[in-house]
Amino acid sequence: MSLEDSLKSFEKSVELYNVCKKSLDEAEKKIKILSDNLKEEDF
């Protein structure tokens, strides 16, 4: 694999990482909200 191809591959990997991280962060926020709501309902 050439250096140019390696860099393109790396850039694509970084893009995919950012997409996945954003999705995971959003899921984590939703889970926290749901968990907080459950705790409030317990009282």
N, C-alpha and C. Protein backbone atom coordinates (compact mmCIF):
# COMPACT_ATOMS: atom_id res chain seq x y z
N MET A 1 0.85 -1.17 0.00
CA MET A 1 0.00 0.00 0.00
C MET A 1 0.90 1.24 0.00
N SER A 2 0.57 2.18 -0.85
CA SER A 2 1.38 3.40 -0.93
C SER A 2 1.09 4.32 0.25
N LEU A 3 1.95 5.28 0.44
CA LEU A 3 1.77 6.24 1.52
C LEU A 3 0.46 7.01 1.33
N GLU A 4 0.19 7.39 0.11
CA GLU A 4 -1.05 8.12 -0.19
C GLU A 4 -2.28 7.28 0.15
N ASP A 5 -2.25 6.01 -0.23
CA ASP A 5 -3.37 5.12 0.09
C ASP A 5 -3.50 4.93 1.61
N SER A 6 -2.39 4.84 2.28
CA SER A 6 -2.40 4.70 3.73
C SER A 6 -3.02 5.93 4.39
N LEU A 7 -2.67 7.10 3.90
CA LEU A 7 -3.24 8.34 4.45
C LEU A 7 -4.74 8.42 4.20
N LYS A 8 -5.17 8.03 3.01
CA LYS A 8 -6.61 8.02 2.70
C LYS A 8 -7.34 7.05 3.62
N SER A 9 -6.73 5.91 3.84
CA SER A 9 -7.31 4.90 4.73
C SER A 9 -7.41 5.44 6.15
N PHE A 10 -6.35 6.10 6.59
CA PHE A 10 -6.34 6.68 7.93
C PHE A 10 -7.42 7.75 8.06
N GLU A 11 -7.53 8.62 7.07
CA GLU A 11 -8.55 9.68 7.10
C GLU A 11 -9.95 9.09 7.17
N LYS A 12 -10.20 8.04 6.41
CA LYS A 12 -11.50 7.38 6.44
C LYS A 12 -11.76 6.77 7.82
N SER A 13 -10.73 6.19 8.39
CA SER A 13 -10.85 5.60 9.73
C SER A 13 -11.20 6.66 10.77
N VAL A 14 -10.57 7.82 10.65
CA VAL A 14 -10.85 8.91 11.59
C VAL A 14 -12.30 9.38 11.43
N GLU A 15 -12.76 9.48 10.19
CA GLU A 15 -14.16 9.87 9.94
C GLU A 15 -15.12 8.85 10.55
N LEU A 16 -14.85 7.57 10.34
CA LEU A 16 -15.71 6.53 10.90
C LEU A 16 -15.69 6.56 12.43
N TYR A 17 -14.51 6.78 13.00
CA TYR A 17 -14.39 6.89 14.45
C TYR A 17 -15.29 8.02 14.97
N ASN A 18 -15.23 9.17 14.29
CA ASN A 18 -16.03 10.32 14.73
C ASN A 18 -17.53 10.04 14.64
N VAL A 19 -17.95 9.36 13.57
CA VAL A 19 -19.36 8.99 13.43
C VAL A 19 -19.78 8.05 14.55
N CYS A 20 -18.96 7.05 14.81
CA CYS A 20 -19.27 6.08 15.88
C CYS A 20 -19.28 6.75 17.25
N LYS A 21 -18.32 7.61 17.49
CA LYS A 21 -18.24 8.30 18.78
C LYS A 21 -19.47 9.16 19.00
N LYS A 22 -19.91 9.85 17.95
CA LYS A 22 -21.09 10.70 18.06
C LYS A 22 -22.32 9.85 18.39
N SER A 23 -22.46 8.71 17.71
CA SER A 23 -23.59 7.82 17.97
C SER A 23 -23.55 7.28 19.40
N LEU A 24 -22.38 6.89 19.85
CA LEU A 24 -22.25 6.37 21.21
C LEU A 24 -22.52 7.46 22.25
N ASP A 25 -22.05 8.66 22.00
CA ASP A 25 -22.31 9.78 22.92
C ASP A 25 -23.80 10.07 23.02
N GLU A 26 -24.50 10.05 21.89
CA GLU A 26 -25.93 10.29 21.89
C GLU A 26 -26.67 9.18 22.63
N ALA A 27 -26.26 7.94 22.42
CA ALA A 27 -26.88 6.82 23.12
C ALA A 27 -26.63 6.93 24.62
N GLU A 28 -25.44 7.33 25.00
CA GLU A 28 -25.11 7.48 26.42
C GLU A 28 -25.99 8.55 27.07
N LYS A 29 -26.21 9.67 26.36
CA LYS A 29 -27.06 10.73 26.88
C LYS A 29 -28.49 10.22 27.09
N LYS A 30 -29.01 9.46 26.11
CA LYS A 30 -30.36 8.93 26.22
C LYS A 30 -30.48 7.97 27.40
N ILE A 31 -29.46 7.12 27.57
CA ILE A 31 -29.47 6.17 28.68
C ILE A 31 -29.43 6.91 30.00
N LYS A 32 -28.63 7.96 30.09
CA LYS A 32 -28.55 8.74 31.33
C LYS A 32 -29.90 9.38 31.63
N ILE A 33 -30.54 9.94 30.63
CA ILE A 33 -31.85 10.56 30.83
C ILE A 33 -32.86 9.52 31.32
N LEU A 34 -32.88 8.36 30.66
CA LEU A 34 -33.81 7.31 31.08
C LEU A 34 -33.50 6.82 32.48
N SER A 35 -32.24 6.67 32.80
CA SER A 35 -31.84 6.22 34.15
C SER A 35 -32.25 7.25 35.19
N ASP A 36 -32.02 8.52 34.89
CA ASP A 36 -32.39 9.58 35.83
C ASP A 36 -33.90 9.60 36.04
N ASN A 37 -34.66 9.38 34.97
CA ASN A 37 -36.13 9.36 35.08
C ASN A 37 -36.58 8.19 35.95
N LEU A 38 -35.94 7.06 35.81
CA LEU A 38 -36.29 5.90 36.64
C LEU A 38 -36.00 6.18 38.10
N LYS A 39 -34.88 6.80 38.38
CA LYS A 39 -34.53 7.13 39.77
C LYS A 39 -35.55 8.08 40.37
N GLU A 40 -36.00 9.06 39.60
CA GLU A 40 -36.99 10.03 40.08
C GLU A 40 -38.32 9.35 40.37
N GLU A 41 -38.69 8.37 39.55
CA GLU A 41 -39.96 7.68 39.73
C GLU A 41 -39.94 6.78 40.97
N ASP A 42 -38.76 6.35 41.40
CA ASP A 42 -38.65 5.50 42.57
C ASP A 42 -39.02 6.23 43.85
N PHE A 43 -38.92 7.56 43.83
CA PHE A 43 -39.18 8.33 45.06
C PHE A 43 -40.54 8.89 45.11
